[in-house]
């Protein structure tokens, strides 16, 4: 009997989450021109991070945990950059 190989979608999940992060960062930065744009970006990135953590718990995959780590590193460093401009 030949076993079917299970596809590893880890990099696809991580790529989709990074693309979503880039899209909403660009959209928020272009729409927000006030003093509180950093707080809106922080809230959206924090929500995305929490959703990835919860998804990794329920689906028991490390892909969403890896996505959460990348979102934490890239997203919050983007917040620091925007804040220090």
C-alpha atoms as a PDB file:
ATOM      1  CA  UNK A   1       0.000   0.000   0.000  1.00  0.00           C
ATOM      2  CA  UNK A   2       1.250   3.403  -0.902  1.00  0.00           C
ATOM      3  CA  UNK A   3       0.868   6.089   1.722  1.00  0.00           C
ATOM      4  CA  UNK A   4      -0.372   9.457   0.670  1.00  0.00           C
ATOM      5  CA  UNK A   5       2.030  12.200   1.555  1.00  0.00           C
ATOM      6  CA  UNK A   6       0.521  14.889   3.692  1.00  0.00           C
ATOM      7  CA  UNK A   7       1.232  18.362   2.387  1.00  0.00           C
ATOM      8  CA  UNK A   8       3.082  20.667   4.689  1.00  0.00           C
ATOM      9  CA  UNK A   9       1.318  24.025   4.539  1.00  0.00           C
ATOM     10  CA  UNK A  10       3.460  25.729   7.161  1.00  0.00           C
ATOM     11  CA  UNK A  11       5.152  28.181   4.832  1.00  0.00           C
ATOM     12  CA  UNK A  12       1.892  28.934   3.041  1.00  0.00           C
ATOM     13  CA  UNK A  13       0.199  29.837   6.337  1.00  0.00           C
ATOM     14  CA  UNK A  14       3.146  31.993   7.389  1.00  0.00           C
ATOM     15  CA  UNK A  15       3.213  33.712   3.987  1.00  0.00           C
ATOM     16  CA  UNK A  16      -0.518  34.468   4.104  1.00  0.00           C
ATOM     17  CA  UNK A  17      -0.177  35.977   7.578  1.00  0.00           C
ATOM     18  CA  UNK A  18       2.776  38.134   6.506  1.00  0.00           C
ATOM     19  CA  UNK A  19       0.876  39.375   3.455  1.00  0.00           C
ATOM     20  CA  UNK A  20      -2.136  40.218   5.643  1.00  0.00           C
ATOM     21  CA  UNK A  21       0.189  42.083   8.029  1.00  0.00           C
ATOM     22  CA  UNK A  22       1.692  44.093   5.178  1.00  0.00           C
ATOM     23  CA  UNK A  23      -1.706  44.922   3.682  1.00  0.00           C
ATOM     24  CA  UNK A  24      -3.322  46.230   6.841  1.00  0.00           C
ATOM     25  CA  UNK A  25      -0.183  48.109   7.843  1.00  0.00           C
ATOM     26  CA  UNK A  26      -0.165  49.956   4.516  1.00  0.00           C
ATOM     27  CA  UNK A  27      -3.912  50.597   4.647  1.00  0.00           C
ATOM     28  CA  UNK A  28      -3.828  51.889   8.219  1.00  0.00           C
ATOM     29  CA  UNK A  29      -0.783  54.044   7.565  1.00  0.00           C
ATOM     30  CA  UNK A  30      -2.386  55.606   4.496  1.00  0.00           C
ATOM     31  CA  UNK A  31      -5.726  56.229   6.242  1.00  0.00           C
ATOM     32  CA  UNK A  32      -4.494  57.438   9.610  1.00  0.00           C
ATOM     33  CA  UNK A  33      -2.728  60.772   9.706  1.00  0.00           C
ATOM     34  CA  UNK A  34      -3.311  61.764  13.325  1.00  0.00           C
ATOM     35  CA  UNK A  35      -1.535  61.267  16.590  1.00  0.00           C
ATOM     36  CA  UNK A  36      -3.250  57.987  17.390  1.00  0.00           C
ATOM     37  CA  UNK A  37      -2.291  55.981  14.307  1.00  0.00           C
ATOM     38  CA  UNK A  38       0.291  54.095  16.359  1.00  0.00           C
ATOM     39  CA  UNK A  39      -2.413  52.931  18.778  1.00  0.00           C
ATOM     40  CA  UNK A  40      -4.634  51.693  15.952  1.00  0.00           C
ATOM     41  CA  UNK A  41      -1.737  49.804  14.403  1.00  0.00           C
ATOM     42  CA  UNK A  42      -0.784  48.371  17.799  1.00  0.00           C
ATOM     43  CA  UNK A  43      -4.367  47.212  18.399  1.00  0.00           C
ATOM     44  CA  UNK A  44      -4.691  45.535  15.004  1.00  0.00           C
ATOM     45  CA  UNK A  45      -1.296  43.820  15.269  1.00  0.00           C
ATOM     46  CA  UNK A  46      -2.100  42.685  18.812  1.00  0.00           C
ATOM     47  CA  UNK A  47      -5.424  41.269  17.658  1.00  0.00           C
ATOM     48  CA  UNK A  48      -3.760  39.439  14.770  1.00  0.00           C
ATOM     49  CA  UNK A  49      -1.161  38.032  17.186  1.00  0.00           C
ATOM     50  CA  UNK A  50      -3.830  36.777  19.606  1.00  0.00           C
ATOM     51  CA  UNK A  51      -5.864  35.234  16.786  1.00  0.00           C
ATOM     52  CA  UNK A  52      -2.780  33.328  15.592  1.00  0.00           C
ATOM     53  CA  UNK A  53      -2.079  32.065  19.115  1.00  0.00           C
ATOM     54  CA  UNK A  54      -5.689  30.925  19.604  1.00  0.00           C
ATOM     55  CA  UNK A  55      -5.727  29.287  16.169  1.00  0.00           C
ATOM     56  CA  UNK A  56      -2.507  27.418  16.933  1.00  0.00           C
ATOM     57  CA  UNK A  57      -4.058  26.090  20.145  1.00  0.00           C
ATOM     58  CA  UNK A  58      -7.264  24.863  18.496  1.00  0.00           C
ATOM     59  CA  UNK A  59      -5.715  23.428  15.322  1.00  0.00           C
ATOM     60  CA  UNK A  60      -2.615  22.136  17.132  1.00  0.00           C
ATOM     61  CA  UNK A  61      -0.290  23.292  14.365  1.00  0.00           C
ATOM     62  CA  UNK A  62       3.010  25.024  14.777  1.00  0.00           C
ATOM     63  CA  UNK A  63       2.457  27.065  11.621  1.00  0.00           C
ATOM     64  CA  UNK A  64       0.195  29.534  13.384  1.00  0.00           C
ATOM     65  CA  UNK A  65       2.579  29.694  16.331  1.00  0.00           C
ATOM     66  CA  UNK A  66       5.404  30.528  13.942  1.00  0.00           C
ATOM     67  CA  UNK A  67       3.158  33.130  12.294  1.00  0.00           C
ATOM     68  CA  UNK A  68       2.418  34.656  15.682  1.00  0.00           C
ATOM     69  CA  UNK A  69       6.133  34.926  16.436  1.00  0.00           C
ATOM     70  CA  UNK A  70       6.835  36.580  13.086  1.00  0.00           C
ATOM     71  CA  UNK A  71       3.880  38.943  13.502  1.00  0.00           C
ATOM     72  CA  UNK A  72       5.163  39.844  16.963  1.00  0.00           C
ATOM     73  CA  UNK A  73       8.669  40.572  15.702  1.00  0.00           C
ATOM     74  CA  UNK A  74       7.821  42.313  12.436  1.00  0.00           C
ATOM     75  CA  UNK A  75       4.598  43.992  13.543  1.00  0.00           C
ATOM     76  CA  UNK A  76       5.751  45.510  16.771  1.00  0.00           C
ATOM     77  CA  UNK A  77       9.071  46.597  15.274  1.00  0.00           C
ATOM     78  CA  UNK A  78       6.956  48.393  12.666  1.00  0.00           C
ATOM     79  CA  UNK A  79       5.094  50.096  15.519  1.00  0.00           C
ATOM     80  CA  UNK A  80       8.371  51.191  17.072  1.00  0.00           C
ATOM     81  CA  UNK A  81       9.543  52.564  13.720  1.00  0.00           C
ATOM     82  CA  UNK A  82       6.296  54.466  13.181  1.00  0.00           C
ATOM     83  CA  UNK A  83       6.399  55.783  16.746  1.00  0.00           C
ATOM     84  CA  UNK A  84       9.979  57.052  16.497  1.00  0.00           C
ATOM     85  CA  UNK A  85       9.533  58.874  13.189  1.00  0.00           C
END
